[in-house]
Amino acid sequence: MSTDQINKQEPVQDPGLEPYVERYTDSDPAVGRRAYRQILTLFGLVPLLAVAFVVLYFAVPHDDAVKFGPLHASALHIALGATAGFAILFIGLGSIHWAKQIMGDHEIAEERHPANSSDEDRQELAKVWKQGAEESGLGRRKLIGFAAAGAIGALALPAVVSLADLGPKPGKGMRRATIERTIWTEGTRLVNDVTYTPIKASEMEIGQLVNAEPENLKDLQSEDFQRQKAKAAIIIVRMDPDSIKIPDSRKDWQVGGILSYSKICTHVGCPISLWEQQTHHLLCPCHQSTFDLGDAGVVVFGPAARSLPQLPITVDKDGYLVARSDFTVPVGPSYFERDSRHDFKKGDN
């Protein structure tokens, strides 16, 4: 079948290839050299921007701002975004300029082939790959390859610095000084978590549950306030002293059947306050972990692996509930590094 016969059977005739027009970089060596220098310049700027990113990361104060009329933005974010953004942009521009002006410039056409590749096709691919490598110009202009590799590799520097500075390394000492302690201290009053009203022991009724926080929380601001509020949240319950079990080691942790526990589930950290007065059980709404507040907060159901931490409390001279100390065990969800030997378990008296 002739080409004319094939074209008559197709809805659109094959237009063929347009006449080839030689590039300026191929016809004029001076233009080619200029394009070569431009590519090297674009790739060469990337390591400088990567170093600038790291310098600005540590040099620009986190609270500095840049104003745009009524708007303002973090100076650090703008600096980091500009350096990282231009570095990536220059890699892209350099790669495009390289492909359009230096690499081989010829057009090819081939018939469609089946999805699976034959041995001949794979051999042909290897041949084309080798030909493409030769046409990339790296054989004559090797610095482009080194410049491109250096530019891409330099981008790892800002990434490594940023990831390394995400926060303090969570070693045992750091955990003990941060996430494993709260702002509860001896003599700190227990206050309502909404109104910050101090809570009198004499005003609590049997069966009542109160959501509370430490009184010194209101002196904190911003991120520190949110962080400490999340860790120090508690519940206060009053039960009939004759209906609960109080371990000998915790006799002075309660006031007439009033006990205080962490509000944070020891499974994955959900806030809990679903209180069942008759059974003295506290249920976590996330995964149904259930704690017996009438038996030192032990787990009676669900995935939680640790008892609910109990806050030692007493009353001050005015009759208000105050903490005797911080929690004696870390609050919050369990994790594999945590030493839970001091958590209360059922039967420990």
C-alpha atoms as a PDB file:
ATOM      1  CA  MET A   1       0.000   0.000   0.000  1.00  0.00           C
ATOM      2  CA  SER A   2       1.414   3.354  -0.990  1.00  0.00           C
ATOM      3  CA  THR A   3       1.690   6.415   1.240  1.00  0.00           C
ATOM      4  CA  ASP A   4      -1.004   8.177  -0.768  1.00  0.00           C
ATOM      5  CA  GLN A   5      -3.388   5.243  -0.232  1.00  0.00           C
ATOM      6  CA  ILE A   6      -2.705   5.269   3.549  1.00  0.00           C
ATOM      7  CA  ASN A   7      -3.269   9.033   3.760  1.00  0.00           C
ATOM      8  CA  LYS A   8      -6.609   8.677   1.956  1.00  0.00           C
ATOM      9  CA  GLN A   9      -7.798   6.215   4.620  1.00  0.00           C
ATOM     10  CA  GLU A  10      -6.921   8.512   7.532  1.00  0.00           C
ATOM     11  CA  PRO A  11      -9.287  11.331   8.650  1.00  0.00           C
ATOM     12  CA  VAL A  12      -6.337  13.708   8.862  1.00  0.00           C
ATOM     13  CA  GLN A  13      -3.428  13.436   6.488  1.00  0.00           C
ATOM     14  CA  ASP A  14       0.086  13.208   7.871  1.00  0.00           C
ATOM     15  CA  PRO A  15       1.456  16.756   7.617  1.00  0.00           C
ATOM     16  CA  GLY A  16       5.036  15.521   7.858  1.00  0.00           C
ATOM     17  CA  LEU A  17       7.856  17.498   9.435  1.00  0.00           C
ATOM     18  CA  GLU A  18       8.253  21.208   8.965  1.00  0.00           C
ATOM     19  CA  PRO A  19      11.418  22.441   7.297  1.00  0.00           C
ATOM     20  CA  TYR A  20      14.322  22.362   9.731  1.00  0.00           C
ATOM     21  CA  VAL A  21      15.675  25.740  10.856  1.00  0.00           C
ATOM     22  CA  GLU A  22      19.146  25.702  12.360  1.00  0.00           C
ATOM     23  CA  ARG A  23      19.509  27.266  15.813  1.00  0.00           C
ATOM     24  CA  TYR A  24      21.565  30.385  16.373  1.00  0.00           C
ATOM     25  CA  THR A  25      23.746  28.499  18.843  1.00  0.00           C
ATOM     26  CA  ASP A  26      24.598  25.976  16.121  1.00  0.00           C
ATOM     27  CA  SER A  27      25.099  28.438  13.285  1.00  0.00           C
ATOM     28  CA  ASP A  28      27.026  31.034  15.324  1.00  0.00           C
ATOM     29  CA  PRO A  29      29.731  29.689  17.705  1.00  0.00           C
ATOM     30  CA  ALA A  30      29.785  32.986  19.619  1.00  0.00           C
ATOM     31  CA  VAL A  31      26.080  32.626  20.450  1.00  0.00           C
ATOM     32  CA  GLY A  32      26.710  29.030  21.531  1.00  0.00           C
ATOM     33  CA  ARG A  33      29.473  30.111  23.883  1.00  0.00           C
ATOM     34  CA  ARG A  34      27.265  32.841  25.323  1.00  0.00           C
ATOM     35  CA  ALA A  35      24.474  30.328  26.018  1.00  0.00           C
ATOM     36  CA  TYR A  36      27.047  28.029  27.620  1.00  0.00           C
ATOM     37  CA  ARG A  37      28.148  30.796  29.996  1.00  0.00           C
ATOM     38  CA  GLN A  38      24.545  31.653  30.839  1.00  0.00           C
ATOM     39  CA  ILE A  39      23.800  28.050  31.802  1.00  0.00           C
ATOM     40  CA  LEU A  40      26.897  27.899  34.002  1.00  0.00           C
ATOM     41  CA  THR A  41      25.875  31.181  35.640  1.00  0.00           C
ATOM     42  CA  LEU A  42      22.363  29.916  36.425  1.00  0.00           C
ATOM     43  CA  PHE A  43      23.670  26.687  37.931  1.00  0.00           C
ATOM     44  CA  GLY A  44      26.466  28.513  39.726  1.00  0.00           C
ATOM     45  CA  LEU A  45      24.074  30.849  41.525  1.00  0.00           C
ATOM     46  CA  VAL A  46      22.266  27.926  43.198  1.00  0.00           C
ATOM     47  CA  PRO A  47      25.024  27.005  45.720  1.00  0.00           C
ATOM     48  CA  LEU A  48      25.311  30.681  46.649  1.00  0.00           C
ATOM     49  CA  LEU A  49      21.574  30.867  47.301  1.00  0.00           C
ATOM     50  CA  ALA A  50      21.731  27.635  49.323  1.00  0.00           C
ATOM     51  CA  VAL A  51      24.441  29.119  51.552  1.00  0.00           C
ATOM     52  CA  ALA A  52      22.429  32.353  51.820  1.00  0.00           C
ATOM     53  CA  PHE A  53      19.409  30.306  52.942  1.00  0.00           C
ATOM     54  CA  VAL A  54      21.411  28.800  55.804  1.00  0.00           C
ATOM     55  CA  VAL A  55      22.930  32.151  56.822  1.00  0.00           C
ATOM     56  CA  LEU A  56      19.550  33.916  56.802  1.00  0.00           C
ATOM     57  CA  TYR A  57      17.968  31.019  58.684  1.00  0.00           C
ATOM     58  CA  PHE A  58      20.138  31.782  61.691  1.00  0.00           C
ATOM     59  CA  ALA A  59      20.718  35.522  61.157  1.00  0.00           C
ATOM     60  CA  VAL A  60      17.173  36.890  60.732  1.00  0.00           C
ATOM     61  CA  PRO A  61      15.256  37.149  64.047  1.00  0.00           C
ATOM     62  CA  HIS A  62      12.060  35.108  64.122  1.00  0.00           C
ATOM     63  CA  ASP A  63       9.977  38.076  65.257  1.00  0.00           C
ATOM     64  CA  ASP A  64      11.114  40.520  62.523  1.00  0.00           C
ATOM     65  CA  ALA A  65       8.365  41.502  60.086  1.00  0.00           C
ATOM     66  CA  VAL A  66       8.154  43.195  56.697  1.00  0.00           C
ATOM     67  CA  LYS A  67       5.193  45.539  56.207  1.00  0.00           C
ATOM     68  CA  PHE A  68       3.244  45.904  52.954  1.00  0.00           C
ATOM     69  CA  GLY A  69       0.895  48.758  53.754  1.00  0.00           C
ATOM     70  CA  PRO A  70      -1.718  47.326  56.146  1.00  0.00           C
ATOM     71  CA  LEU A  71      -0.285  43.820  55.731  1.00  0.00           C
ATOM     72  CA  HIS A  72       2.839  42.346  57.233  1.00  0.00           C
ATOM     73  CA  ALA A  73       4.748  39.098  56.873  1.00  0.00           C
ATOM     74  CA  SER A  74       7.613  37.345  58.619  1.00  0.00           C
ATOM     75  CA  ALA A  75      10.949  38.625  57.370  1.00  0.00           C
ATOM     76  CA  LEU A  76      12.473  35.199  57.933  1.00  0.00           C
ATOM     77  CA  HIS A  77       9.819  33.464  55.851  1.00  0.00           C
ATOM     78  CA  ILE A  78      10.283  35.934  53.007  1.00  0.00           C
ATOM     79  CA  ALA A  79      14.062  35.533  53.075  1.00  0.00           C
ATOM     80  CA  LEU A  80      13.928  31.732  53.130  1.00  0.00           C
ATOM     81  CA  GLY A  81      11.230  31.593  50.475  1.00  0.00           C
ATOM     82  CA  ALA A  82      13.142  33.935  48.184  1.00  0.00           C
ATOM     83  CA  THR A  83      16.478  32.110  48.435  1.00  0.00           C
ATOM     84  CA  ALA A  84      15.004  28.597  48.129  1.00  0.00           C
ATOM     85  CA  GLY A  85      12.556  29.674  45.418  1.00  0.00           C
ATOM     86  CA  PHE A  86      15.159  31.368  43.241  1.00  0.00           C
ATOM     87  CA  ALA A  87      17.524  28.405  43.680  1.00  0.00           C
ATOM     88  CA  ILE A  88      14.885  26.018  42.323  1.00  0.00           C
ATOM     89  CA  LEU A  89      13.950  28.518  39.589  1.00  0.00           C
ATOM     90  CA  PHE A  90      17.551  28.840  38.415  1.00  0.00           C
ATOM     91  CA  ILE A  91      17.924  25.052  38.216  1.00  0.00           C
ATOM     92  CA  GLY A  92      14.804  24.913  36.051  1.00  0.00           C
ATOM     93  CA  LEU A  93      15.869  27.800  33.836  1.00  0.00           C
ATOM     94  CA  GLY A  94      19.358  26.396  33.460  1.00  0.00           C
ATOM     95  CA  SER A  95      18.016  22.957  32.521  1.00  0.00           C
ATOM     96  CA  ILE A  96      15.588  24.416  29.953  1.00  0.00           C
ATOM     97  CA  HIS A  97      18.278  26.679  28.470  1.00  0.00           C
ATOM     98  CA  TRP A  98      20.641  23.710  28.262  1.00  0.00           C
ATOM     99  CA  ALA A  99      18.040  21.550  26.488  1.00  0.00           C
ATOM    100  CA  LYS A 100      16.993  24.260  24.032  1.00  0.00           C
ATOM    101  CA  GLN A 101      20.369  25.759  23.181  1.00  0.00           C
ATOM    102  CA  ILE A 102      23.089  23.136  23.739  1.00  0.00           C
ATOM    103  CA  MET A 103      21.643  19.636  23.409  1.00  0.00           C
ATOM    104  CA  GLY A 104      21.190  18.032  20.002  1.00  0.00           C
ATOM    105  CA  ASP A 105      18.566  19.731  17.849  1.00  0.00           C
ATOM    106  CA  HIS A 106      16.895  17.481  15.303  1.00  0.00           C
ATOM    107  CA  GLU A 107      13.356  16.202  14.818  1.00  0.00           C
ATOM    108  CA  ILE A 108      12.363  12.578  14.412  1.00  0.00           C
ATOM    109  CA  ALA A 109       9.134  10.740  13.586  1.00  0.00           C
ATOM    110  CA  GLU A 110       8.303   7.094  14.207  1.00  0.00           C
ATOM    111  CA  GLU A 111       5.338   4.820  13.921  1.00  0.00           C
ATOM    112  CA  ARG A 112       3.398   3.777  17.005  1.00  0.00           C
ATOM    113  CA  HIS A 113       4.516   0.494  18.461  1.00  0.00           C
ATOM    114  CA  PRO A 114       2.963  -2.064  20.865  1.00  0.00           C
ATOM    115  CA  ALA A 115       3.100  -1.313  24.593  1.00  0.00           C
ATOM    116  CA  ASN A 116       5.532  -4.114  25.298  1.00  0.00           C
ATOM    117  CA  SER A 117       9.105  -3.602  24.174  1.00  0.00           C
ATOM    118  CA  SER A 118      10.888  -6.147  22.081  1.00  0.00           C
ATOM    119  CA  ASP A 119      14.559  -7.026  22.426  1.00  0.00           C
ATOM    120  CA  GLU A 120      15.255  -4.976  19.343  1.00  0.00           C
ATOM    121  CA  ASP A 121      13.461  -1.983  20.920  1.00  0.00           C
ATOM    122  CA  ARG A 122      15.479  -2.272  24.101  1.00  0.00           C
ATOM    123  CA  GLN A 123      18.679  -2.433  22.120  1.00  0.00           C
ATOM    124  CA  GLU A 124      17.544   0.565  20.143  1.00  0.00           C
ATOM    125  CA  LEU A 125      16.752   2.425  23.391  1.00  0.00           C
ATOM    126  CA  ALA A 126      20.261   1.771  24.636  1.00  0.00           C
ATOM    127  CA  LYS A 127      21.586   3.071  21.357  1.00  0.00           C
ATOM    128  CA  VAL A 128      19.383   6.188  21.539  1.00  0.00           C
ATOM    129  CA  TRP A 129      20.378   6.755  25.171  1.00  0.00           C
ATOM    130  CA  LYS A 130      24.019   6.641  24.199  1.00  0.00           C
ATOM    131  CA  GLN A 131      23.342   8.952  21.294  1.00  0.00           C
ATOM    132  CA  GLY A 132      21.455  11.366  23.552  1.00  0.00           C
ATOM    133  CA  ALA A 133      24.324  11.399  26.009  1.00  0.00           C
ATOM    134  CA  GLU A 134      26.657  12.303  23.162  1.00  0.00           C
ATOM    135  CA  GLU A 135      24.278  14.991  21.887  1.00  0.00           C
ATOM    136  CA  SER A 136      23.879  16.533  25.361  1.00  0.00           C
ATOM    137  CA  GLY A 137      27.169  18.249  24.754  1.00  0.00           C
ATOM    138  CA  LEU A 138      28.686  17.024  27.994  1.00  0.00           C
ATOM    139  CA  GLY A 139      31.554  15.471  26.106  1.00  0.00           C
ATOM    140  CA  ARG A 140      32.684  18.908  24.932  1.00  0.00           C
ATOM    141  CA  ARG A 141      31.244  21.001  27.738  1.00  0.00           C
ATOM    142  CA  LYS A 142      31.702  18.901  30.836  1.00  0.00           C
ATOM    143  CA  LEU A 143      31.346  21.824  33.217  1.00  0.00           C
ATOM    144  CA  ILE A 144      27.597  21.921  32.552  1.00  0.00           C
ATOM    145  CA  GLY A 145      27.211  18.447  34.055  1.00  0.00           C
ATOM    146  CA  PHE A 146      29.278  19.339  37.101  1.00  0.00           C
ATOM    147  CA  ALA A 147      27.430  22.658  37.486  1.00  0.00           C
ATOM    148  CA  ALA A 148      24.013  20.962  37.268  1.00  0.00           C
ATOM    149  CA  ALA A 149      25.008  18.245  39.744  1.00  0.00           C
ATOM    150  CA  GLY A 150      26.459  20.845  42.113  1.00  0.00           C
ATOM    151  CA  ALA A 151      23.346  23.006  41.862  1.00  0.00           C
ATOM    152  CA  ILE A 152      20.986  20.118  42.649  1.00  0.00           C
ATOM    153  CA  GLY A 153      23.262  18.788  45.382  1.00  0.00           C
ATOM    154  CA  ALA A 154      23.523  22.224  46.995  1.00  0.00           C
ATOM    155  CA  LEU A 155      19.764  22.227  47.570  1.00  0.00           C
ATOM    156  CA  ALA A 156      20.278  19.454  50.105  1.00  0.00           C
ATOM    157  CA  LEU A 157      22.059  21.938  52.395  1.00  0.00           C
ATOM    158  CA  PRO A 158      18.977  24.063  53.255  1.00  0.00           C
ATOM    159  CA  ALA A 159      16.914  20.893  53.647  1.00  0.00           C
ATOM    160  CA  VAL A 160      19.397  19.307  56.052  1.00  0.00           C
ATOM    161  CA  VAL A 161      19.732  22.491  58.124  1.00  0.00           C
ATOM    162  CA  SER A 162      15.956  22.988  58.279  1.00  0.00           C
ATOM    163  CA  LEU A 163      15.258  19.401  59.307  1.00  0.00           C
ATOM    164  CA  ALA A 164      18.056  19.383  61.874  1.00  0.00           C
ATOM    165  CA  ASP A 165      16.611  22.495  63.505  1.00  0.00           C
ATOM    166  CA  LEU A 166      13.006  21.284  63.759  1.00  0.00           C
ATOM    167  CA  GLY A 167      13.386  20.991  67.506  1.00  0.00           C
ATOM    168  CA  PRO A 168      15.536  19.642  70.317  1.00  0.00           C
ATOM    169  CA  LYS A 169      16.552  16.026  70.060  1.00  0.00           C
ATOM    170  CA  PRO A 170      14.115  14.000  72.236  1.00  0.00           C
ATOM    171  CA  GLY A 171      16.640  12.418  74.569  1.00  0.00           C
ATOM    172  CA  LYS A 172      15.750  11.346  78.099  1.00  0.00           C
ATOM    173  CA  GLY A 173      17.098  14.554  79.643  1.00  0.00           C
ATOM    174  CA  MET A 174      15.199  16.744  77.196  1.00  0.00           C
ATOM    175  CA  ARG A 175      11.965  14.805  77.752  1.00  0.00           C
ATOM    176  CA  ARG A 176      12.290  15.128  81.521  1.00  0.00           C
ATOM    177  CA  ALA A 177      12.828  18.891  81.177  1.00  0.00           C
ATOM    178  CA  THR A 178       9.978  19.495  78.700  1.00  0.00           C
ATOM    179  CA  ILE A 179       7.166  17.117  77.813  1.00  0.00           C
ATOM    180  CA  GLU A 180       7.381  15.065  81.006  1.00  0.00           C
ATOM    181  CA  ARG A 181       6.760  17.961  83.368  1.00  0.00           C
ATOM    182  CA  THR A 182       3.997  20.558  83.742  1.00  0.00           C
ATOM    183  CA  ILE A 183       3.633  23.939  85.476  1.00  0.00           C
ATOM    184  CA  TRP A 184       1.907  22.375  88.490  1.00  0.00           C
ATOM    185  CA  THR A 185       3.918  23.219  91.620  1.00  0.00           C
ATOM    186  CA  GLU A 186       3.344  22.988  95.340  1.00  0.00           C
ATOM    187  CA  GLY A 187       0.668  25.457  96.447  1.00  0.00           C
ATOM    188  CA  THR A 188      -0.714  26.177  92.952  1.00  0.00           C
ATOM    189  CA  ARG A 189      -4.483  26.589  93.128  1.00  0.00           C
ATOM    190  CA  LEU A 190      -6.828  24.479  91.040  1.00  0.00           C
ATOM    191  CA  VAL A 191      -9.102  26.816  89.042  1.00  0.00           C
ATOM    192  CA  ASN A 192     -12.011  26.402  86.644  1.00  0.00           C
ATOM    193  CA  ASP A 193     -10.629  26.061  83.100  1.00  0.00           C
ATOM    194  CA  VAL A 194     -13.019  28.712  81.716  1.00  0.00           C
ATOM    195  CA  THR A 195     -13.508  31.295  84.440  1.00  0.00           C
ATOM    196  CA  TYR A 196     -10.236  30.693  86.354  1.00  0.00           C
ATOM    197  CA  THR A 197     -12.269  30.728  89.563  1.00  0.00           C
ATOM    198  CA  PRO A 198     -10.516  28.947  92.470  1.00  0.00           C
ATOM    199  CA  ILE A 199     -12.318  25.816  93.633  1.00  0.00           C
ATOM    200  CA  LYS A 200     -13.248  25.321  97.282  1.00  0.00           C
ATOM    201  CA  ALA A 201     -13.342  21.774  98.577  1.00  0.00           C
ATOM    202  CA  SER A 202     -16.439  22.500 100.638  1.00  0.00           C
ATOM    203  CA  GLU A 203     -18.378  23.576  97.525  1.00  0.00           C
ATOM    204  CA  MET A 204     -17.893  20.357  95.574  1.00  0.00           C
ATOM    205  CA  GLU A 205     -20.720  17.821  95.690  1.00  0.00           C
ATOM    206  CA  ILE A 206     -20.431  14.032  95.548  1.00  0.00           C
ATOM    207  CA  GLY A 207     -20.601  12.893  91.907  1.00  0.00           C
ATOM    208  CA  GLN A 208     -19.505  16.277  90.537  1.00  0.00           C
ATOM    209  CA  LEU A 209     -16.775  16.611  87.886  1.00  0.00           C
ATOM    210  CA  VAL A 210     -14.961  19.895  87.201  1.00  0.00           C
ATOM    211  CA  ASN A 211     -12.558  20.642  84.340  1.00  0.00           C
ATOM    212  CA  ALA A 212      -9.656  22.643  85.724  1.00  0.00           C
ATOM    213  CA  GLU A 213      -6.224  24.152  85.091  1.00  0.00           C
ATOM    214  CA  PRO A 214      -3.446  25.576  87.303  1.00  0.00           C
ATOM    215  CA  GLU A 215      -3.983  29.173  88.391  1.00  0.00           C
ATOM    216  CA  ASN A 216      -0.529  30.236  87.140  1.00  0.00           C
ATOM    217  CA  LEU A 217      -1.541  29.358  83.572  1.00  0.00           C
ATOM    218  CA  LYS A 218      -3.169  32.781  83.130  1.00  0.00           C
ATOM    219  CA  ASP A 219       0.246  34.443  83.489  1.00  0.00           C
ATOM    220  CA  LEU A 220       1.481  32.820  80.260  1.00  0.00           C
ATOM    221  CA  GLN A 221       1.051  34.103  76.712  1.00  0.00           C
ATOM    222  CA  SER A 222       0.877  32.829  73.139  1.00  0.00           C
ATOM    223  CA  GLU A 223       2.540  29.498  72.324  1.00  0.00           C
ATOM    224  CA  ASP A 224       3.750  28.892  75.858  1.00  0.00           C
ATOM    225  CA  PHE A 225       0.176  29.292  77.116  1.00  0.00           C
ATOM    226  CA  GLN A 226      -1.183  26.742  74.632  1.00  0.00           C
ATOM    227  CA  ARG A 227       1.616  24.267  75.284  1.00  0.00           C
ATOM    228  CA  GLN A 228       1.281  24.358  79.064  1.00  0.00           C
ATOM    229  CA  LYS A 229      -2.521  24.342  78.968  1.00  0.00           C
ATOM    230  CA  ALA A 230      -2.483  21.140  76.917  1.00  0.00           C
ATOM    231  CA  LYS A 231      -0.201  19.373  79.394  1.00  0.00           C
ATOM    232  CA  ALA A 232      -1.605  20.679  82.678  1.00  0.00           C
ATOM    233  CA  ALA A 233      -5.336  20.137  82.023  1.00  0.00           C
ATOM    234  CA  ILE A 234      -7.018  18.156  84.797  1.00  0.00           C
ATOM    235  CA  ILE A 235     -10.379  16.934  86.007  1.00  0.00           C
ATOM    236  CA  ILE A 236     -11.522  17.093  89.625  1.00  0.00           C
ATOM    237  CA  VAL A 237     -14.092  14.616  90.910  1.00  0.00           C
ATOM    238  CA  ARG A 238     -15.713  14.096  94.296  1.00  0.00           C
ATOM    239  CA  MET A 239     -16.759  10.604  95.344  1.00  0.00           C
ATOM    240  CA  ASP A 240     -17.988   9.014  98.542  1.00  0.00           C
ATOM    241  CA  PRO A 241     -14.761   8.071 100.379  1.00  0.00           C
ATOM    242  CA  ASP A 242     -16.376   4.800 101.495  1.00  0.00           C
ATOM    243  CA  SER A 243     -17.035   3.738  97.875  1.00  0.00           C
ATOM    244  CA  ILE A 244     -13.512   4.130  96.489  1.00  0.00           C
ATOM    245  CA  LYS A 245     -10.117   2.506  96.940  1.00  0.00           C
ATOM    246  CA  ILE A 246      -7.305   4.830  97.937  1.00  0.00           C
ATOM    247  CA  PRO A 247      -3.811   3.258  97.964  1.00  0.00           C
ATOM    248  CA  ASP A 248      -1.791   3.682 101.156  1.00  0.00           C
ATOM    249  CA  SER A 249       0.816   5.609  99.159  1.00  0.00           C
ATOM    250  CA  ARG A 250      -1.841   8.136  98.086  1.00  0.00           C
ATOM    251  CA  LYS A 251      -3.784   8.693 101.300  1.00  0.00           C
ATOM    252  CA  ASP A 252      -2.711  12.341 101.413  1.00  0.00           C
ATOM    253  CA  TRP A 253      -3.317  12.970  97.677  1.00  0.00           C
ATOM    254  CA  GLN A 254      -7.066  13.563  98.177  1.00  0.00           C
ATOM    255  CA  VAL A 255      -9.356  15.723 100.260  1.00  0.00           C
ATOM    256  CA  GLY A 256     -12.464  13.978 101.616  1.00  0.00           C
ATOM    257  CA  GLY A 257     -12.965  11.916  98.452  1.00  0.00           C
ATOM    258  CA  ILE A 258     -11.946  14.749  96.115  1.00  0.00           C
ATOM    259  CA  LEU A 259      -9.335  13.550  93.635  1.00  0.00           C
ATOM    260  CA  SER A 260      -7.682  15.124  90.624  1.00  0.00           C
ATOM    261  CA  TYR A 261      -6.455  13.345  87.504  1.00  0.00           C
ATOM    262  CA  SER A 262      -4.884  14.368  84.211  1.00  0.00           C
ATOM    263  CA  LYS A 263      -7.472  15.136  81.530  1.00  0.00           C
ATOM    264  CA  ILE A 264      -5.243  13.629  78.819  1.00  0.00           C
ATOM    265  CA  CYS A 265      -5.862  10.009  77.815  1.00  0.00           C
ATOM    266  CA  THR A 266      -2.760   7.833  78.063  1.00  0.00           C
ATOM    267  CA  HIS A 267      -3.549   6.177  74.731  1.00  0.00           C
ATOM    268  CA  VAL A 268      -3.101   8.921  72.100  1.00  0.00           C
ATOM    269  CA  GLY A 269      -3.739  12.070  74.136  1.00  0.00           C
ATOM    270  CA  CYS A 270      -7.433  12.839  73.605  1.00  0.00           C
ATOM    271  CA  PRO A 271      -9.074  15.092  76.229  1.00  0.00           C
ATOM    272  CA  ILE A 272     -11.491  13.079  78.379  1.00  0.00           C
ATOM    273  CA  SER A 273     -14.322  14.055  80.699  1.00  0.00           C
ATOM    274  CA  LEU A 274     -17.142  11.553  80.051  1.00  0.00           C
ATOM    275  CA  TRP A 275     -17.921  10.755  83.673  1.00  0.00           C
ATOM    276  CA  GLU A 276     -20.122   7.921  84.940  1.00  0.00           C
ATOM    277  CA  GLN A 277     -20.952   8.746  88.550  1.00  0.00           C
ATOM    278  CA  GLN A 278     -22.205   5.335  89.681  1.00  0.00           C
ATOM    279  CA  THR A 279     -19.243   3.260  88.453  1.00  0.00           C
ATOM    280  CA  HIS A 280     -16.637   6.023  88.918  1.00  0.00           C
ATOM    281  CA  HIS A 281     -15.479   5.306  85.363  1.00  0.00           C
ATOM    282  CA  LEU A 282     -14.078   7.954  83.009  1.00  0.00           C
ATOM    283  CA  LEU A 283     -14.460   7.184  79.290  1.00  0.00           C
ATOM    284  CA  CYS A 284     -12.278   8.533  76.457  1.00  0.00           C
ATOM    285  CA  PRO A 285     -14.533   9.373  73.462  1.00  0.00           C
ATOM    286  CA  CYS A 286     -11.801   8.687  70.880  1.00  0.00           C
ATOM    287  CA  HIS A 287     -11.098   4.979  71.359  1.00  0.00           C
ATOM    288  CA  GLN A 288     -13.187   4.075  74.419  1.00  0.00           C
ATOM    289  CA  SER A 289     -10.341   3.648  76.894  1.00  0.00           C
ATOM    290  CA  THR A 290     -11.961   3.545  80.329  1.00  0.00           C
ATOM    291  CA  PHE A 291     -10.327   4.458  83.636  1.00  0.00           C
ATOM    292  CA  ASP A 292     -11.560   3.701  87.153  1.00  0.00           C
ATOM    293  CA  LEU A 293     -11.129   6.939  89.105  1.00  0.00           C
ATOM    294  CA  GLY A 294     -12.294   5.167  92.222  1.00  0.00           C
ATOM    295  CA  ASP A 295      -9.300   2.844  92.012  1.00  0.00           C
ATOM    296  CA  ALA A 296      -6.334   5.177  91.347  1.00  0.00           C
ATOM    297  CA  GLY A 297      -7.228   5.679  87.657  1.00  0.00           C
ATOM    298  CA  VAL A 298      -6.367   2.160  86.479  1.00  0.00           C
ATOM    299  CA  VAL A 299      -7.396   1.079  82.960  1.00  0.00           C
ATOM    300  CA  VAL A 300     -10.452  -1.187  82.982  1.00  0.00           C
ATOM    301  CA  PHE A 301     -11.132  -1.239  79.236  1.00  0.00           C
ATOM    302  CA  GLY A 302      -9.684  -0.141  75.924  1.00  0.00           C
ATOM    303  CA  PRO A 303      -6.280   0.343  74.310  1.00  0.00           C
ATOM    304  CA  ALA A 304      -4.716   2.662  76.915  1.00  0.00           C
ATOM    305  CA  ALA A 305      -1.656   1.014  78.459  1.00  0.00           C
ATOM    306  CA  ARG A 306      -1.131   3.245  81.507  1.00  0.00           C
ATOM    307  CA  SER A 307      -3.184   4.388  84.460  1.00  0.00           C
ATOM    308  CA  LEU A 308      -4.458   7.946  84.320  1.00  0.00           C
ATOM    309  CA  PRO A 309      -1.864  10.123  86.154  1.00  0.00           C
ATOM    310  CA  GLN A 310      -3.156  11.491  89.461  1.00  0.00           C
ATOM    311  CA  LEU A 311      -2.292  14.964  90.742  1.00  0.00           C
ATOM    312  CA  PRO A 312      -1.590  15.103  94.495  1.00  0.00           C
ATOM    313  CA  ILE A 313      -3.838  17.771  96.047  1.00  0.00           C
ATOM    314  CA  THR A 314      -4.660  19.331  99.410  1.00  0.00           C
ATOM    315  CA  VAL A 315      -6.309  22.559 100.629  1.00  0.00           C
ATOM    316  CA  ASP A 316      -4.783  25.895 101.583  1.00  0.00           C
ATOM    317  CA  LYS A 317      -5.658  27.948 104.655  1.00  0.00           C
ATOM    318  CA  ASP A 318      -8.710  29.381 102.882  1.00  0.00           C
ATOM    319  CA  GLY A 319     -10.079  25.972 101.971  1.00  0.00           C
ATOM    320  CA  TYR A 320      -9.228  26.169  98.269  1.00  0.00           C
ATOM    321  CA  LEU A 321      -7.859  23.122  96.473  1.00  0.00           C
ATOM    322  CA  VAL A 322      -4.137  23.376  95.714  1.00  0.00           C
ATOM    323  CA  ALA A 323      -1.533  21.029  94.270  1.00  0.00           C
ATOM    324  CA  ARG A 324       0.931  19.295  96.563  1.00  0.00           C
ATOM    325  CA  SER A 325       3.407  18.919  93.683  1.00  0.00           C
ATOM    326  CA  ASP A 326       3.600  18.253  89.970  1.00  0.00           C
ATOM    327  CA  PHE A 327       2.443  14.896  88.601  1.00  0.00           C
ATOM    328  CA  THR A 328       4.737  12.106  89.750  1.00  0.00           C
ATOM    329  CA  VAL A 329       4.598  10.422  86.317  1.00  0.00           C
ATOM    330  CA  PRO A 330       4.487  11.953  82.811  1.00  0.00           C
ATOM    331  CA  VAL A 331       1.068  12.913  81.508  1.00  0.00           C
ATOM    332  CA  GLY A 332      -0.144  12.259  78.012  1.00  0.00           C
ATOM    333  CA  PRO A 333       0.044   9.322  75.614  1.00  0.00           C
ATOM    334  CA  SER A 334       2.484   6.477  76.068  1.00  0.00           C
ATOM    335  CA  TYR A 335       5.494   6.039  73.825  1.00  0.00           C
ATOM    336  CA  PHE A 336       8.055   3.285  73.668  1.00  0.00           C
ATOM    337  CA  GLU A 337      10.857   5.200  75.390  1.00  0.00           C
ATOM    338  CA  ARG A 338       8.759   6.062  78.450  1.00  0.00           C
ATOM    339  CA  ASP A 339       9.704   4.469  81.757  1.00  0.00           C
ATOM    340  CA  SER A 340       6.366   3.555  83.330  1.00  0.00           C
ATOM    341  CA  ARG A 341       7.707   1.687  86.365  1.00  0.00           C
ATOM    342  CA  HIS A 342       6.281   4.365  88.656  1.00  0.00           C
ATOM    343  CA  ASP A 343       2.776   4.269  87.179  1.00  0.00           C
ATOM    344  CA  PHE A 344       0.184   2.894  89.571  1.00  0.00           C
ATOM    345  CA  LYS A 345      -1.139  -0.550  88.705  1.00  0.00           C
ATOM    346  CA  LYS A 346      -4.110  -2.332  90.217  1.00  0.00           C
ATOM    347  CA  GLY A 347      -3.092  -4.022  93.441  1.00  0.00           C
ATOM    348  CA  ASP A 348      -0.239  -1.641  94.267  1.00  0.00           C
ATOM    349  CA  ASN A 349      -0.911  -0.438  97.835  1.00  0.00           C
END
